[in-house]
Each structure stands twice: as structure tokens, then as C-alpha cells.
Amino acid sequence: MFDIGASEMLLIVIVAIVVIGPKDMPLALRAAGRWMGKIRRVSGHFRSGVETMIREAELEEMERKWRDQNEAIMKASAEMGPAAASAEAGAAAQAVEVSAVSLDSRDAKVQDPQLPLSRP
């Protein structure tokens, strides 16, 4: 993260011992740990807030796209007339049914109808 090497860390420790003193070093390290914990919590909170804003923006974009597609479909079905629109809606419903059946058939074990169910 900070790209500090072993020799640099050793120099920091020696300077800290000289400046703070060995008696107050545990207290100083404890305070530094608390500050680091607070910084991590705040940065995590900030990061989650940004991610939430990004998700909301993506959802709004998807809703706008779906709304535009829905308007285009409604306009096209109004131009076709009620008989063609109901036939198209029936075909769409049948396509949804077929896709649902194909999804179910992947999960279920399909048995050949020509094979007997039990062995003699």
C-alpha cells in the first residue's frame, strides 16, 4: 500500500523508540491502531455508499431502457390492430411457456416413453 521496505520500517521503529520512548510505545501503538480502525471503518462506509449509488444509477438506466422498449412494443401493437396484437401476445406467451418447459426439463430426469418403467 505505502510501499515501505523492511529497512525503512526498521528506521521508523528506531526513530519512534527514540522520540516516544520505550515506556510510552505500547500506548502510542494502541492509539495508532484505534486511528487506523476508524479510518478503515470510514473508508468502508464511504465505499459502500459509492457502490450503492452506482447500483441505483444502473437500476434507473435499466428501468428507462425497459420503459422505452415497452413503449415501442405498445406502439407497434397499436399499429397492428387488436387481432394481430392478441396473436403476437399469444405467440410470446407460448415462447415463454416453451422456455420454461425447457428449463424444467434440464433439471428433471427425462425417461424414454418406450422403455418400461420397471424391470421384469
N, C-alpha and C. Protein backbone atom coordinates (compact mmCIF):
# COMPACT_ATOMS: atom_id res chain seq x y z
N MET A 1 0.83 -1.18 0.00
CA MET A 1 0.00 0.00 0.00
C MET A 1 0.87 1.25 0.00
N PHE A 2 1.74 1.39 0.97
CA PHE A 2 2.63 2.54 1.03
C PHE A 2 3.99 2.23 0.44
N ASP A 3 4.22 0.99 0.08
CA ASP A 3 5.48 0.52 -0.50
C ASP A 3 6.66 0.85 0.41
N ILE A 4 6.54 0.39 1.66
CA ILE A 4 7.60 0.59 2.65
C ILE A 4 8.37 -0.72 2.77
N GLY A 5 9.68 -0.65 2.59
CA GLY A 5 10.52 -1.82 2.70
C GLY A 5 10.89 -2.13 4.14
N ALA A 6 11.61 -3.24 4.34
CA ALA A 6 12.00 -3.66 5.69
C ALA A 6 12.98 -2.68 6.33
N SER A 7 13.94 -2.18 5.54
CA SER A 7 14.92 -1.24 6.10
C SER A 7 14.25 0.09 6.49
N GLU A 8 13.29 0.52 5.68
CA GLU A 8 12.58 1.76 6.00
C GLU A 8 11.74 1.59 7.26
N MET A 9 11.10 0.42 7.40
CA MET A 9 10.29 0.15 8.59
C MET A 9 11.18 0.11 9.83
N LEU A 10 12.35 -0.48 9.74
CA LEU A 10 13.28 -0.53 10.87
C LEU A 10 13.70 0.88 11.28
N LEU A 11 13.95 1.75 10.31
CA LEU A 11 14.32 3.12 10.61
C LEU A 11 13.16 3.85 11.32
N ILE A 12 11.94 3.63 10.87
CA ILE A 12 10.77 4.25 11.51
C ILE A 12 10.63 3.78 12.95
N VAL A 13 10.82 2.48 13.19
CA VAL A 13 10.72 1.93 14.55
C VAL A 13 11.79 2.53 15.46
N ILE A 14 13.00 2.65 14.96
CA ILE A 14 14.10 3.21 15.78
C ILE A 14 13.81 4.67 16.12
N VAL A 15 13.35 5.45 15.15
CA VAL A 15 13.04 6.85 15.39
C VAL A 15 11.87 6.96 16.38
N ALA A 16 10.87 6.08 16.24
CA ALA A 16 9.72 6.11 17.15
C ALA A 16 10.16 5.79 18.58
N ILE A 17 11.04 4.83 18.75
CA ILE A 17 11.52 4.47 20.10
C ILE A 17 12.30 5.64 20.70
N VAL A 18 13.11 6.30 19.89
CA VAL A 18 13.90 7.42 20.40
C VAL A 18 12.99 8.61 20.74
N VAL A 19 12.03 8.92 19.86
CA VAL A 19 11.18 10.09 20.07
C VAL A 19 10.14 9.84 21.16
N ILE A 20 9.44 8.72 21.08
CA ILE A 20 8.36 8.44 22.03
C ILE A 20 8.90 7.83 23.32
N GLY A 21 9.84 6.98 23.17
CA GLY A 21 10.41 6.31 24.35
C GLY A 21 9.80 4.93 24.51
N PRO A 22 10.59 3.99 25.00
CA PRO A 22 10.11 2.60 25.11
C PRO A 22 8.96 2.45 26.11
N LYS A 23 8.87 3.37 27.11
CA LYS A 23 7.84 3.24 28.12
C LYS A 23 6.45 3.58 27.54
N ASP A 24 6.37 4.60 26.67
CA ASP A 24 5.09 5.04 26.12
C ASP A 24 4.78 4.41 24.76
N MET A 25 5.66 3.55 24.26
CA MET A 25 5.47 2.95 22.94
C MET A 25 4.18 2.11 22.86
N PRO A 26 3.86 1.23 23.82
CA PRO A 26 2.62 0.45 23.70
C PRO A 26 1.37 1.35 23.66
N LEU A 27 1.37 2.42 24.43
CA LEU A 27 0.25 3.35 24.42
C LEU A 27 0.12 4.03 23.06
N ALA A 28 1.25 4.43 22.48
CA ALA A 28 1.23 5.09 21.17
C ALA A 28 0.78 4.12 20.08
N LEU A 29 1.24 2.88 20.15
CA LEU A 29 0.82 1.89 19.16
C LEU A 29 -0.67 1.59 19.26
N ARG A 30 -1.17 1.53 20.49
CA ARG A 30 -2.60 1.30 20.70
C ARG A 30 -3.42 2.45 20.11
N ALA A 31 -2.99 3.67 20.33
CA ALA A 31 -3.70 4.83 19.77
C ALA A 31 -3.63 4.82 18.25
N ALA A 32 -2.48 4.46 17.70
CA ALA A 32 -2.35 4.39 16.23
C ALA A 32 -3.27 3.31 15.67
N GLY A 33 -3.40 2.19 16.36
CA GLY A 33 -4.30 1.13 15.93
C GLY A 33 -5.76 1.57 15.93
N ARG A 34 -6.14 2.32 16.96
CA ARG A 34 -7.51 2.85 17.02
C ARG A 34 -7.78 3.78 15.85
N TRP A 35 -6.82 4.66 15.56
CA TRP A 35 -6.99 5.59 14.44
C TRP A 35 -7.09 4.84 13.12
N MET A 36 -6.28 3.83 12.95
CA MET A 36 -6.33 3.04 11.71
C MET A 36 -7.68 2.34 11.59
N GLY A 37 -8.21 1.83 12.69
CA GLY A 37 -9.53 1.19 12.67
C GLY A 37 -10.62 2.17 12.27
N LYS A 38 -10.56 3.38 12.83
CA LYS A 38 -11.55 4.40 12.47
C LYS A 38 -11.46 4.77 11.00
N ILE A 39 -10.24 4.91 10.51
CA ILE A 39 -10.04 5.25 9.10
C ILE A 39 -10.59 4.15 8.20
N ARG A 40 -10.35 2.90 8.56
CA ARG A 40 -10.87 1.78 7.76
C ARG A 40 -12.39 1.74 7.78
N ARG A 41 -13.00 1.98 8.94
CA ARG A 41 -14.47 1.99 9.02
C ARG A 41 -15.06 3.10 8.16
N VAL A 42 -14.48 4.30 8.24
CA VAL A 42 -14.99 5.42 7.45
C VAL A 42 -14.81 5.13 5.96
N SER A 43 -13.66 4.61 5.57
CA SER A 43 -13.45 4.33 4.15
C SER A 43 -14.38 3.21 3.67
N GLY A 44 -14.64 2.22 4.51
CA GLY A 44 -15.59 1.16 4.15
C GLY A 44 -16.99 1.70 3.99
N HIS A 45 -17.39 2.60 4.89
CA HIS A 45 -18.71 3.23 4.80
C HIS A 45 -18.81 4.06 3.52
N PHE A 46 -17.77 4.80 3.22
CA PHE A 46 -17.74 5.62 2.01
C PHE A 46 -17.82 4.74 0.76
N ARG A 47 -17.05 3.65 0.75
CA ARG A 47 -17.04 2.73 -0.38
C ARG A 47 -18.42 2.11 -0.60
N SER A 48 -19.07 1.68 0.49
CA SER A 48 -20.39 1.08 0.34
C SER A 48 -21.41 2.11 -0.15
N GLY A 49 -21.28 3.36 0.28
CA GLY A 49 -22.16 4.41 -0.22
C GLY A 49 -22.00 4.65 -1.71
N VAL A 50 -20.76 4.66 -2.16
CA VAL A 50 -20.49 4.84 -3.60
C VAL A 50 -21.04 3.66 -4.39
N GLU A 51 -20.83 2.44 -3.90
CA GLU A 51 -21.35 1.26 -4.59
C GLU A 51 -22.87 1.28 -4.65
N THR A 52 -23.52 1.74 -3.59
CA THR A 52 -24.98 1.85 -3.59
C THR A 52 -25.44 2.86 -4.63
N MET A 53 -24.77 4.00 -4.72
CA MET A 53 -25.13 4.99 -5.73
C MET A 53 -24.96 4.44 -7.14
N ILE A 54 -23.90 3.67 -7.37
CA ILE A 54 -23.66 3.07 -8.68
C ILE A 54 -24.77 2.08 -9.02
N ARG A 55 -25.14 1.23 -8.05
CA ARG A 55 -26.22 0.26 -8.28
C ARG A 55 -27.53 0.96 -8.61
N GLU A 56 -27.85 2.03 -7.86
CA GLU A 56 -29.09 2.77 -8.11
C GLU A 56 -29.08 3.40 -9.50
N ALA A 57 -27.93 3.93 -9.92
CA ALA A 57 -27.84 4.53 -11.26
C ALA A 57 -28.03 3.46 -12.34
N GLU A 58 -27.45 2.28 -12.12
CA GLU A 58 -27.62 1.19 -13.09
C GLU A 58 -29.08 0.75 -13.15
N LEU A 59 -29.75 0.67 -11.99
CA LEU A 59 -31.16 0.28 -11.97
C LEU A 59 -32.02 1.31 -12.69
N GLU A 60 -31.74 2.58 -12.49
CA GLU A 60 -32.50 3.62 -13.18
C GLU A 60 -32.32 3.51 -14.68
N GLU A 61 -31.09 3.23 -15.11
CA GLU A 61 -30.82 3.08 -16.54
C GLU A 61 -31.58 1.88 -17.12
N MET A 62 -31.58 0.77 -16.39
CA MET A 62 -32.30 -0.42 -16.85
C MET A 62 -33.80 -0.16 -16.90
N GLU A 63 -34.35 0.52 -15.90
CA GLU A 63 -35.77 0.85 -15.90
C GLU A 63 -36.13 1.75 -17.08
N ARG A 64 -35.27 2.71 -17.39
CA ARG A 64 -35.51 3.59 -18.53
C ARG A 64 -35.51 2.79 -19.83
N LYS A 65 -34.56 1.88 -19.95
CA LYS A 65 -34.46 1.04 -21.15
C LYS A 65 -35.71 0.16 -21.28
N TRP A 66 -36.14 -0.45 -20.18
CA TRP A 66 -37.33 -1.30 -20.22
C TRP A 66 -38.57 -0.48 -20.56
N ARG A 67 -38.67 0.73 -20.01
CA ARG A 67 -39.80 1.60 -20.29
C ARG A 67 -39.84 1.96 -21.78
N ASP A 68 -38.66 2.29 -22.36
CA ASP A 68 -38.59 2.62 -23.77
C ASP A 68 -38.98 1.43 -24.64
N GLN A 69 -38.48 0.22 -24.27
CA GLN A 69 -38.85 -0.97 -25.03
C GLN A 69 -40.34 -1.26 -24.91
N ASN A 70 -40.90 -1.07 -23.74
CA ASN A 70 -42.33 -1.30 -23.54
C ASN A 70 -43.15 -0.34 -24.38
N GLU A 71 -42.74 0.93 -24.43
CA GLU A 71 -43.45 1.91 -25.25
C GLU A 71 -43.38 1.54 -26.72
N ALA A 72 -42.21 1.07 -27.18
CA ALA A 72 -42.07 0.67 -28.58
C ALA A 72 -42.96 -0.53 -28.89
N ILE A 73 -43.04 -1.49 -27.98
CA ILE A 73 -43.89 -2.67 -28.18
C ILE A 73 -45.35 -2.26 -28.20
N MET A 74 -45.74 -1.39 -27.27
CA MET A 74 -47.13 -0.95 -27.22
C MET A 74 -47.51 -0.17 -28.48
N LYS A 75 -46.60 0.67 -28.97
CA LYS A 75 -46.86 1.43 -30.18
C LYS A 75 -46.99 0.48 -31.38
N ALA A 76 -46.10 -0.52 -31.45
CA ALA A 76 -46.16 -1.48 -32.56
C ALA A 76 -47.43 -2.30 -32.50
N SER A 77 -47.86 -2.69 -31.32
CA SER A 77 -49.08 -3.49 -31.21
C SER A 77 -50.32 -2.65 -31.50
N ALA A 78 -50.29 -1.35 -31.21
CA ALA A 78 -51.41 -0.47 -31.53
C ALA A 78 -51.53 -0.27 -33.03
N GLU A 79 -50.40 -0.24 -33.72
CA GLU A 79 -50.41 -0.07 -35.17
C GLU A 79 -50.88 -1.32 -35.88
N MET A 80 -50.63 -2.50 -35.31
CA MET A 80 -51.01 -3.76 -35.94
C MET A 80 -52.51 -4.01 -35.86
N GLY A 81 -53.12 -3.56 -34.82
CA GLY A 81 -54.53 -3.83 -34.62
C GLY A 81 -54.73 -4.86 -33.53
N PRO A 82 -55.97 -4.97 -33.01
CA PRO A 82 -56.20 -5.86 -31.87
C PRO A 82 -56.04 -7.34 -32.21
N ALA A 83 -56.42 -7.80 -33.40
CA ALA A 83 -56.32 -9.23 -33.73
C ALA A 83 -54.86 -9.65 -33.84
N ALA A 84 -54.04 -8.83 -34.53
CA ALA A 84 -52.63 -9.17 -34.68
C ALA A 84 -51.91 -9.06 -33.35
N ALA A 85 -52.30 -8.06 -32.53
CA ALA A 85 -51.65 -7.89 -31.23
C ALA A 85 -51.94 -9.08 -30.33
N SER A 86 -53.20 -9.59 -30.35
CA SER A 86 -53.51 -10.74 -29.49
C SER A 86 -52.81 -11.99 -29.99
N ALA A 87 -52.65 -12.13 -31.32
CA ALA A 87 -51.92 -13.28 -31.86
C ALA A 87 -50.45 -13.20 -31.47
N GLU A 88 -49.89 -11.99 -31.53
CA GLU A 88 -48.49 -11.81 -31.14
C GLU A 88 -48.30 -12.07 -29.66
N ALA A 89 -49.25 -11.62 -28.84
CA ALA A 89 -49.18 -11.85 -27.40
C ALA A 89 -49.27 -13.34 -27.11
N GLY A 90 -50.13 -14.05 -27.85
CA GLY A 90 -50.23 -15.50 -27.67
C GLY A 90 -48.95 -16.20 -28.04
N ALA A 91 -48.31 -15.76 -29.14
CA ALA A 91 -47.04 -16.35 -29.56
C ALA A 91 -45.96 -16.08 -28.52
N ALA A 92 -45.97 -14.87 -27.95
CA ALA A 92 -44.98 -14.53 -26.92
C ALA A 92 -45.20 -15.38 -25.68
N ALA A 93 -46.46 -15.58 -25.30
CA ALA A 93 -46.76 -16.40 -24.13
C ALA A 93 -46.35 -17.85 -24.37
N GLN A 94 -46.57 -18.32 -25.61
CA GLN A 94 -46.17 -19.69 -25.94
C GLN A 94 -44.66 -19.83 -25.89
N ALA A 95 -43.93 -18.81 -26.35
CA ALA A 95 -42.46 -18.85 -26.30
C ALA A 95 -41.99 -18.88 -24.86
N VAL A 96 -42.65 -18.14 -23.98
CA VAL A 96 -42.28 -18.15 -22.57
C VAL A 96 -42.55 -19.52 -21.98
N GLU A 97 -43.70 -20.13 -22.37
CA GLU A 97 -44.03 -21.48 -21.87
C GLU A 97 -42.98 -22.49 -22.31
N VAL A 98 -42.58 -22.41 -23.59
CA VAL A 98 -41.59 -23.35 -24.12
C VAL A 98 -40.27 -23.18 -23.40
N SER A 99 -39.85 -21.94 -23.15
CA SER A 99 -38.58 -21.73 -22.45
C SER A 99 -38.67 -22.23 -21.02
N ALA A 100 -39.84 -22.07 -20.39
CA ALA A 100 -39.99 -22.57 -19.02
C ALA A 100 -39.95 -24.09 -19.00
N VAL A 101 -40.56 -24.73 -19.99
CA VAL A 101 -40.53 -26.20 -20.06
C VAL A 101 -39.11 -26.68 -20.32
N SER A 102 -38.38 -25.99 -21.19
CA SER A 102 -37.02 -26.42 -21.47
C SER A 102 -36.14 -26.24 -20.24
N LEU A 103 -36.40 -25.20 -19.44
CA LEU A 103 -35.64 -25.05 -18.20
C LEU A 103 -35.96 -26.16 -17.22
N ASP A 104 -37.25 -26.53 -17.12
CA ASP A 104 -37.64 -27.61 -16.22
C ASP A 104 -37.07 -28.94 -16.68
N SER A 105 -36.99 -29.16 -17.98
CA SER A 105 -36.51 -30.45 -18.47
C SER A 105 -35.02 -30.63 -18.20
N ARG A 106 -34.29 -29.53 -18.07
CA ARG A 106 -32.87 -29.67 -17.73
C ARG A 106 -32.69 -30.17 -16.31
N ASP A 107 -33.61 -29.78 -15.43
CA ASP A 107 -33.50 -30.18 -14.03
C ASP A 107 -34.06 -31.57 -13.79
N ALA A 108 -35.11 -31.94 -14.51
CA ALA A 108 -35.77 -33.22 -14.28
C ALA A 108 -35.07 -34.32 -15.06
N LYS A 109 -35.18 -35.54 -14.58
CA LYS A 109 -34.64 -36.68 -15.29
C LYS A 109 -35.68 -37.13 -16.30
N VAL A 110 -35.32 -37.08 -17.57
CA VAL A 110 -36.25 -37.44 -18.63
C VAL A 110 -36.11 -38.93 -18.89
N GLN A 111 -37.27 -39.61 -18.96
CA GLN A 111 -37.27 -41.05 -19.18
C GLN A 111 -37.88 -41.32 -20.53
N ASP A 112 -37.30 -42.24 -21.29
CA ASP A 112 -37.79 -42.58 -22.61
C ASP A 112 -39.14 -43.27 -22.47
N PRO A 113 -40.20 -42.79 -23.19
CA PRO A 113 -41.53 -43.39 -23.02
C PRO A 113 -41.60 -44.81 -23.57
N GLN A 114 -40.68 -45.24 -24.43
CA GLN A 114 -40.72 -46.59 -24.99
C GLN A 114 -40.13 -47.61 -24.03
N LEU A 115 -39.35 -47.18 -23.07
CA LEU A 115 -38.75 -48.09 -22.11
C LEU A 115 -39.73 -48.40 -21.01
N PRO A 116 -39.77 -49.63 -20.53
CA PRO A 116 -40.67 -49.94 -19.42
C PRO A 116 -40.19 -49.26 -18.14
N LEU A 117 -41.14 -48.94 -17.28
CA LEU A 117 -40.80 -48.26 -16.02
C LEU A 117 -40.14 -49.20 -15.03
N SER A 118 -40.51 -50.47 -15.02
CA SER A 118 -39.89 -51.40 -14.10
C SER A 118 -39.33 -52.57 -14.88
N ARG A 119 -38.32 -53.20 -14.32
CA ARG A 119 -37.71 -54.36 -14.98
C ARG A 119 -38.42 -55.62 -14.55
N PRO A 120 -38.64 -56.56 -15.50
CA PRO A 120 -39.33 -57.82 -15.13
C PRO A 120 -38.47 -58.76 -14.34
